[in-house]
């Protein structure tokens, strides 16, 4: 694999990772708790 292909592959991996982090940052947070009366914060 030559240097040009390695550079493109590294940039693709970094771009995918940044995209995943960005999506996870802006997704609404899920509330924890089961709703079974165990006093875990969800009724």
N, C-alpha and C. Protein backbone atom coordinates (compact mmCIF):
# COMPACT_ATOMS: atom_id res chain seq x y z
N UNK A 1 0.85 -1.17 0.00
CA UNK A 1 0.00 0.00 0.00
C UNK A 1 0.90 1.24 0.00
N UNK A 2 0.67 2.11 -0.94
CA UNK A 2 1.53 3.29 -1.01
C UNK A 2 1.06 4.37 -0.04
N UNK A 3 1.84 5.41 0.07
CA UNK A 3 1.58 6.47 1.04
C UNK A 3 0.25 7.18 0.78
N UNK A 4 -0.11 7.37 -0.47
CA UNK A 4 -1.35 8.06 -0.81
C UNK A 4 -2.57 7.27 -0.33
N UNK A 5 -2.57 5.98 -0.54
CA UNK A 5 -3.69 5.14 -0.09
C UNK A 5 -3.79 5.11 1.43
N UNK A 6 -2.67 5.07 2.11
CA UNK A 6 -2.67 5.07 3.58
C UNK A 6 -3.21 6.38 4.12
N UNK A 7 -2.87 7.48 3.48
CA UNK A 7 -3.37 8.78 3.90
C UNK A 7 -4.88 8.85 3.74
N UNK A 8 -5.37 8.41 2.59
CA UNK A 8 -6.81 8.43 2.36
C UNK A 8 -7.54 7.52 3.34
N UNK A 9 -7.00 6.36 3.63
CA UNK A 9 -7.62 5.44 4.57
C UNK A 9 -7.64 6.03 5.97
N UNK A 10 -6.56 6.66 6.39
CA UNK A 10 -6.50 7.29 7.71
C UNK A 10 -7.51 8.44 7.81
N UNK A 11 -7.62 9.25 6.77
CA UNK A 11 -8.60 10.34 6.77
C UNK A 11 -10.03 9.80 6.81
N UNK A 12 -10.28 8.70 6.13
CA UNK A 12 -11.62 8.10 6.15
C UNK A 12 -11.96 7.59 7.54
N UNK A 13 -11.01 6.95 8.21
CA UNK A 13 -11.25 6.44 9.56
C UNK A 13 -11.50 7.59 10.53
N UNK A 14 -10.73 8.64 10.44
CA UNK A 14 -10.91 9.80 11.31
C UNK A 14 -12.26 10.45 11.04
N UNK A 15 -12.64 10.57 9.78
CA UNK A 15 -13.93 11.18 9.43
C UNK A 15 -15.10 10.36 9.97
N UNK A 16 -15.02 9.05 9.84
CA UNK A 16 -16.09 8.19 10.35
C UNK A 16 -16.18 8.31 11.87
N UNK A 17 -15.04 8.33 12.55
CA UNK A 17 -15.04 8.44 14.01
C UNK A 17 -15.63 9.77 14.45
N UNK A 18 -15.25 10.85 13.81
CA UNK A 18 -15.81 12.16 14.14
C UNK A 18 -17.31 12.21 13.88
N UNK A 19 -17.74 11.58 12.81
CA UNK A 19 -19.17 11.52 12.53
C UNK A 19 -19.95 10.78 13.60
N UNK A 20 -19.41 9.67 14.08
CA UNK A 20 -20.07 8.91 15.14
C UNK A 20 -20.15 9.74 16.41
N UNK A 21 -19.06 10.39 16.79
CA UNK A 21 -19.07 11.22 17.99
C UNK A 21 -20.05 12.38 17.86
N UNK A 22 -20.15 12.98 16.69
CA UNK A 22 -21.07 14.09 16.48
C UNK A 22 -22.52 13.63 16.60
N UNK A 23 -22.84 12.49 16.00
CA UNK A 23 -24.20 11.96 16.08
C UNK A 23 -24.55 11.65 17.52
N UNK A 24 -23.65 11.02 18.25
CA UNK A 24 -23.92 10.66 19.65
C UNK A 24 -24.04 11.91 20.52
N UNK A 25 -23.36 12.98 20.18
CA UNK A 25 -23.42 14.21 20.96
C UNK A 25 -24.80 14.85 20.84
N UNK A 26 -25.40 14.81 19.65
CA UNK A 26 -26.65 15.50 19.42
C UNK A 26 -27.88 14.62 19.58
N UNK A 27 -27.71 13.33 19.85
CA UNK A 27 -28.84 12.46 20.08
C UNK A 27 -29.45 12.75 21.45
N UNK A 28 -30.77 12.66 21.57
CA UNK A 28 -31.38 12.88 22.89
C UNK A 28 -30.94 11.80 23.87
N UNK A 29 -30.77 12.21 25.12
CA UNK A 29 -30.33 11.29 26.14
C UNK A 29 -31.48 10.38 26.56
N UNK A 30 -31.20 9.10 26.74
CA UNK A 30 -32.20 8.17 27.21
C UNK A 30 -32.22 8.19 28.73
N UNK A 31 -33.43 8.18 29.28
CA UNK A 31 -33.55 8.18 30.73
C UNK A 31 -33.35 6.76 31.25
N UNK A 32 -32.65 6.67 32.36
CA UNK A 32 -32.42 5.36 32.95
C UNK A 32 -33.56 5.02 33.90
N UNK A 33 -33.68 3.78 34.22
CA UNK A 33 -34.70 3.32 35.14
C UNK A 33 -35.60 2.31 34.48
N UNK A 34 -36.16 1.46 35.30
CA UNK A 34 -36.95 0.37 34.75
C UNK A 34 -38.46 0.56 34.92
N UNK A 35 -38.90 1.42 35.87
CA UNK A 35 -40.31 1.64 36.08
C UNK A 35 -41.00 0.52 36.84
N UNK A 36 -40.25 -0.26 37.58
CA UNK A 36 -40.83 -1.40 38.31
C UNK A 36 -40.92 -1.14 39.82
N UNK A 37 -40.87 0.09 40.28
CA UNK A 37 -41.00 0.38 41.69
C UNK A 37 -39.74 0.11 42.50
N UNK A 38 -38.60 0.14 41.87
CA UNK A 38 -37.36 -0.16 42.59
C UNK A 38 -36.65 1.12 43.03
N UNK A 39 -37.34 2.26 42.95
CA UNK A 39 -36.78 3.55 43.37
C UNK A 39 -35.55 3.94 42.55
N UNK A 40 -35.59 3.65 41.27
CA UNK A 40 -34.45 3.98 40.41
C UNK A 40 -34.65 5.29 39.66
N UNK A 41 -35.70 6.04 39.96
CA UNK A 41 -35.87 7.36 39.40
C UNK A 41 -36.91 7.46 38.29
N UNK A 42 -37.42 6.36 37.81
CA UNK A 42 -38.43 6.40 36.75
C UNK A 42 -39.73 5.83 37.30
N UNK A 43 -40.79 6.58 37.08
CA UNK A 43 -42.09 6.10 37.62
C UNK A 43 -42.88 5.37 36.56
